[in-house]
Amino acid sequence: MPFPDFITQFPSLDVPFPEDTVQTAVIRSDVGLVAFFTFLKDFELPAHAHKAQWGTVIEGEVELTIGGVTKTYRPGDSYSIPSGVEHGGRIKAGTRVIDAFEEADRYPIKG
């Protein structure tokens, strides 16, 4: 199920991924960022680290390696990535996730 129209009308993020692969919508506060991601194509997320992140899978499948431990997440599953812990993974086409970032400026907002 797609995100509701009011969510897709939120501003999008300026992420370093092609728009035909990843669609974004975002809410930002002074203390964090909540992003709604839709993956239109299979996606390889390179290993990286930043401040804390929490996410939940709405639809599809995400294989994440967090601190050297690999696990597959499906709808209803949540993950927590502590600050500074390296993580990366594979995300299947059609996946939708909601991620909350400790950093309000994790990604810039477009426009």
Protein backbone atom coordinates (compact mmCIF):
# COMPACT_ATOMS: atom_id res chain seq x y z
CA MET A 1 0.00 0.00 0.00
CA PRO A 2 1.44 3.41 -0.92
CA PHE A 3 1.89 6.12 1.66
CA PRO A 4 -1.17 8.42 1.87
CA ASP A 5 -1.25 11.51 -0.36
CA PHE A 6 -0.74 13.89 2.56
CA ILE A 7 2.57 12.14 3.35
CA THR A 8 3.76 12.12 -0.26
CA GLN A 9 3.12 15.89 -0.29
CA PHE A 10 5.73 16.41 2.46
CA PRO A 11 9.03 17.86 1.22
CA SER A 12 11.49 15.40 -0.27
CA LEU A 13 15.08 14.83 0.72
CA ASP A 14 18.19 15.56 -1.28
CA VAL A 15 19.64 12.06 -0.97
CA PRO A 16 22.61 10.76 -2.96
CA PHE A 17 20.43 8.14 -4.71
CA PRO A 18 18.60 8.33 -8.06
CA GLU A 19 14.96 9.52 -7.88
CA ASP A 20 13.88 6.65 -10.13
CA THR A 21 15.19 4.28 -7.42
CA VAL A 22 14.25 5.98 -4.13
CA GLN A 23 11.37 8.35 -3.38
CA THR A 24 11.34 10.32 -0.13
CA ALA A 25 9.05 12.43 2.01
CA VAL A 26 10.18 14.03 5.27
CA ILE A 27 9.20 15.76 8.47
CA ARG A 28 11.96 17.59 10.34
CA SER A 29 12.13 19.10 13.80
CA ASP A 30 14.96 20.79 15.67
CA VAL A 31 16.00 17.47 17.20
CA GLY A 32 15.40 14.87 14.49
CA LEU A 33 14.18 13.84 11.08
CA VAL A 34 11.48 11.32 10.11
CA ALA A 35 11.72 10.06 6.55
CA PHE A 36 9.29 7.98 4.52
CA PHE A 37 11.22 5.99 1.90
CA THR A 38 9.80 4.12 -1.10
CA PHE A 39 12.25 1.95 -3.04
CA LEU A 40 11.20 1.58 -6.67
CA LYS A 41 14.13 -0.67 -7.63
CA ASP A 42 16.37 -3.10 -5.79
CA PHE A 43 18.83 -1.01 -3.83
CA GLU A 44 22.28 -1.62 -2.36
CA LEU A 45 22.89 0.57 0.70
CA PRO A 46 26.65 1.04 1.13
CA ALA A 47 28.12 0.56 4.61
CA HIS A 48 28.21 3.83 6.55
CA ALA A 49 27.73 5.26 10.05
CA HIS A 50 26.09 8.33 11.60
CA LYS A 51 24.12 9.21 14.73
CA ALA A 52 21.28 6.95 15.94
CA GLN A 53 18.55 5.72 13.60
CA TRP A 54 15.36 3.75 14.19
CA GLY A 55 13.18 2.34 11.44
CA THR A 56 10.27 0.09 10.65
CA VAL A 57 9.38 -1.81 7.50
CA ILE A 58 5.90 -1.04 6.18
CA GLU A 59 6.06 -3.15 3.04
CA GLY A 60 8.71 -5.28 1.32
CA GLU A 61 12.00 -6.58 2.65
CA VAL A 62 15.23 -5.09 3.98
CA GLU A 63 18.40 -7.04 4.70
CA LEU A 64 20.57 -4.99 7.05
CA THR A 65 23.99 -5.63 8.47
CA ILE A 66 24.28 -3.62 11.67
CA GLY A 67 27.58 -3.82 13.52
CA GLY A 68 28.51 -6.99 11.64
CA VAL A 69 25.20 -8.81 12.31
CA THR A 70 22.95 -9.43 9.30
CA LYS A 71 19.19 -9.78 9.66
CA THR A 72 16.22 -9.64 7.28
CA TYR A 73 13.35 -7.31 8.20
CA ARG A 74 9.82 -7.65 6.84
CA PRO A 75 6.57 -5.70 7.34
CA GLY A 76 6.03 -4.92 11.00
CA ASP A 77 9.70 -5.44 11.92
CA SER A 78 11.69 -2.58 13.41
CA TYR A 79 15.43 -1.99 13.69
CA SER A 80 17.55 0.25 15.86
CA ILE A 81 20.99 1.44 14.83
CA PRO A 82 23.04 2.96 17.66
CA SER A 83 25.04 6.11 17.06
CA GLY A 84 28.34 5.48 15.27
CA VAL A 85 27.62 1.82 14.38
CA GLU A 86 28.43 0.86 10.79
CA HIS A 87 25.49 -0.48 8.80
CA GLY A 88 24.49 -1.21 5.22
CA GLY A 89 22.33 -3.64 3.31
CA ARG A 90 20.03 -4.59 0.48
CA ILE A 91 16.51 -3.34 -0.02
CA LYS A 92 14.06 -4.99 -2.42
CA ALA A 93 12.05 -3.06 -4.98
CA GLY A 94 8.61 -2.15 -3.66
CA THR A 95 9.83 -1.71 -0.08
CA ARG A 96 8.50 1.14 2.06
CA VAL A 97 10.13 2.10 5.35
CA ILE A 98 9.85 4.86 7.90
CA ASP A 99 13.17 5.94 9.43
CA ALA A 100 13.71 8.33 12.32
CA PHE A 101 17.14 9.93 12.56
CA GLU A 102 18.69 11.52 15.64
CA GLU A 103 20.22 14.16 13.34
CA ALA A 104 17.81 16.85 12.15
CA ASP A 105 20.24 17.58 9.31
CA ARG A 106 20.99 13.97 8.31
CA TYR A 107 19.88 14.82 4.76
CA PRO A 108 19.04 18.25 3.36
CA ILE A 109 15.49 18.98 2.25
CA LYS A 110 15.02 19.76 -1.46
CA GLY A 111 13.93 23.20 -2.54
